[in-house]
């Protein structure tokens, strides 16, 4: 098992690209070694992008990869894509996502969750597209003074 994983195409690519030595033992423990801290960080980042999972509620920067009548597909987490439904693009009614978006455009998205088939659901209208900060709706007070 060890030689299959250690000699694997992905590991070889990480080693060649980063310059660091990468070893995975039978328990799945990953060891990264190099005299160059930048090489270790690069290898770590490459491995993290493979094993990490996106978190619900987090805001990510992504790129619009495809526009369809019902929304936009956005690549937002490594090679991960998700759908921003047309109703989640802006706080106004859109007939088609191309009214505000174009393919290749960089956008800020919030991971809303996953549908019953495990597909990623994203939203844009609750994220400030300039700063990437979440837009929190103001609470209305009943009977109190402002």
Protein backbone atom coordinates (compact mmCIF):
# COMPACT_ATOMS: atom_id res chain seq x y z
CA UNK A 1 0.00 0.00 0.00
CA UNK A 2 2.71 2.45 0.96
CA UNK A 3 4.63 2.16 -2.30
CA UNK A 4 1.44 2.57 -4.34
CA UNK A 5 0.54 5.79 -2.52
CA UNK A 6 4.10 7.14 -2.25
CA UNK A 7 4.75 6.49 -5.94
CA UNK A 8 1.37 7.82 -6.98
CA UNK A 9 0.95 10.37 -9.74
CA UNK A 10 -0.48 13.04 -7.40
CA UNK A 11 2.33 12.68 -4.84
CA UNK A 12 4.97 12.81 -7.59
CA UNK A 13 3.38 15.98 -8.94
CA UNK A 14 3.42 17.59 -5.47
CA UNK A 15 7.09 16.64 -4.99
CA UNK A 16 8.08 17.94 -8.45
CA UNK A 17 6.11 21.18 -8.13
CA UNK A 18 7.00 22.04 -4.53
CA UNK A 19 10.51 20.66 -4.28
CA UNK A 20 9.71 19.10 -0.89
CA UNK A 21 9.86 15.39 -0.01
CA UNK A 22 6.43 13.92 0.79
CA UNK A 23 5.86 10.61 2.57
CA UNK A 24 2.57 8.99 3.58
CA UNK A 25 2.71 6.11 6.05
CA UNK A 26 0.26 3.20 6.28
CA UNK A 27 -1.83 5.07 8.89
CA UNK A 28 -2.34 8.00 6.51
CA UNK A 29 0.09 10.32 8.33
CA UNK A 30 1.66 12.73 5.86
CA UNK A 31 5.23 13.95 6.40
CA UNK A 32 6.64 16.86 4.42
CA UNK A 33 10.39 17.58 4.53
CA UNK A 34 12.64 20.18 2.94
CA UNK A 35 15.39 22.66 3.85
CA UNK A 36 13.23 25.33 2.20
CA UNK A 37 10.24 26.58 4.23
CA UNK A 38 8.56 27.87 1.06
CA UNK A 39 8.73 24.37 -0.47
CA UNK A 40 7.11 22.88 2.64
CA UNK A 41 4.33 25.49 2.55
CA UNK A 42 3.72 24.87 -1.16
CA UNK A 43 3.50 21.09 -0.64
CA UNK A 44 1.22 21.60 2.39
CA UNK A 45 -1.08 23.94 0.43
CA UNK A 46 -1.27 21.47 -2.49
CA UNK A 47 -2.15 18.59 -0.14
CA UNK A 48 -4.65 20.74 1.78
CA UNK A 49 -6.46 21.67 -1.45
CA UNK A 50 -6.96 17.94 -2.11
CA UNK A 51 -8.11 16.82 1.34
CA UNK A 52 -9.96 19.89 2.67
CA UNK A 53 -13.72 20.21 2.46
CA UNK A 54 -15.54 23.52 2.06
CA UNK A 55 -17.39 24.69 5.19
CA UNK A 56 -21.04 25.69 5.29
CA UNK A 57 -21.47 29.38 6.14
CA UNK A 58 -17.98 30.37 4.93
CA UNK A 59 -17.37 32.97 2.24
CA UNK A 60 -15.10 32.10 -0.68
CA UNK A 61 -13.78 33.89 -3.75
CA UNK A 62 -14.69 32.05 -6.92
CA UNK A 63 -14.89 32.35 -10.66
CA UNK A 64 -18.03 32.05 -12.78
CA UNK A 65 -17.45 29.04 -15.04
CA UNK A 66 -20.87 28.67 -16.69
CA UNK A 67 -24.12 30.62 -16.95
CA UNK A 68 -27.42 28.78 -17.36
CA UNK A 69 -31.05 29.96 -17.32
CA UNK A 70 -31.49 29.03 -13.64
CA UNK A 71 -28.20 30.33 -12.24
CA UNK A 72 -24.42 30.39 -12.41
CA UNK A 73 -21.89 27.66 -11.74
CA UNK A 74 -18.95 29.02 -9.74
CA UNK A 75 -15.59 27.35 -9.15
CA UNK A 76 -14.88 28.35 -5.55
CA UNK A 77 -12.76 25.77 -3.72
CA UNK A 78 -9.88 24.22 -5.57
CA UNK A 79 -11.58 22.21 -8.27
CA UNK A 80 -14.97 22.40 -6.52
CA UNK A 81 -17.93 24.00 -8.31
CA UNK A 82 -21.29 25.04 -6.91
CA UNK A 83 -24.51 26.59 -8.15
CA UNK A 84 -25.64 30.11 -7.36
CA UNK A 85 -29.36 29.91 -8.13
CA UNK A 86 -30.67 32.94 -10.02
CA UNK A 87 -32.67 33.92 -6.90
CA UNK A 88 -29.42 34.03 -4.85
CA UNK A 89 -27.45 36.35 -7.16
CA UNK A 90 -28.97 39.72 -6.24
CA UNK A 91 -31.66 41.29 -4.08
CA UNK A 92 -33.76 41.97 -7.17
CA UNK A 93 -35.48 39.77 -9.73
CA UNK A 94 -33.29 38.70 -12.63
CA UNK A 95 -34.61 37.14 -15.82
CA UNK A 96 -31.19 35.60 -16.54
CA UNK A 97 -27.89 35.54 -14.64
CA UNK A 98 -26.15 37.25 -17.58
CA UNK A 99 -27.82 40.51 -16.49
CA UNK A 100 -25.14 40.78 -13.75
CA UNK A 101 -22.58 38.05 -14.42
CA UNK A 102 -20.29 36.86 -17.17
CA UNK A 103 -18.14 33.74 -17.49
CA UNK A 104 -14.67 34.22 -16.01
CA UNK A 105 -15.86 36.93 -13.61
CA UNK A 106 -14.50 36.75 -10.05
CA UNK A 107 -17.25 36.75 -7.41
CA UNK A 108 -17.61 36.32 -3.65
CA UNK A 109 -19.94 33.48 -2.61
CA UNK A 110 -21.25 32.06 0.63
CA UNK A 111 -21.62 28.30 0.98
CA UNK A 112 -25.30 27.90 1.88
CA UNK A 113 -25.24 24.13 2.12
CA UNK A 114 -25.71 20.98 0.12
CA UNK A 115 -28.87 19.71 -1.56
CA UNK A 116 -30.24 16.19 -1.09
CA UNK A 117 -27.92 14.91 -3.85
CA UNK A 118 -24.82 16.46 -2.27
CA UNK A 119 -24.63 19.31 -4.79
CA UNK A 120 -23.16 22.57 -3.47
CA UNK A 121 -25.58 25.50 -2.99
CA UNK A 122 -23.99 28.97 -3.07
CA UNK A 123 -25.33 32.48 -2.59
CA UNK A 124 -24.03 35.90 -3.64
CA UNK A 125 -26.68 38.40 -2.55
CA UNK A 126 -25.66 38.21 1.12
CA UNK A 127 -21.98 38.96 0.40
CA UNK A 128 -20.55 42.42 -0.31
CA UNK A 129 -18.85 41.86 -3.67
CA UNK A 130 -16.27 44.59 -2.96
CA UNK A 131 -15.09 43.54 0.52
CA UNK A 132 -16.17 39.89 0.73
CA UNK A 133 -17.90 40.66 4.05
CA UNK A 134 -21.27 39.14 4.83
CA UNK A 135 -24.19 41.56 4.60
CA UNK A 136 -26.25 41.13 7.75
CA UNK A 137 -29.84 42.34 7.42
CA UNK A 138 -30.74 45.04 9.94
CA UNK A 139 -33.24 43.95 12.57
CA UNK A 140 -36.45 45.93 12.80
CA UNK A 141 -37.40 47.00 16.27
CA UNK A 142 -41.02 46.80 17.39
CA UNK A 143 -42.22 49.80 19.35
CA UNK A 144 -38.75 50.74 20.54
CA UNK A 145 -36.95 53.98 19.90
CA UNK A 146 -34.30 54.05 17.22
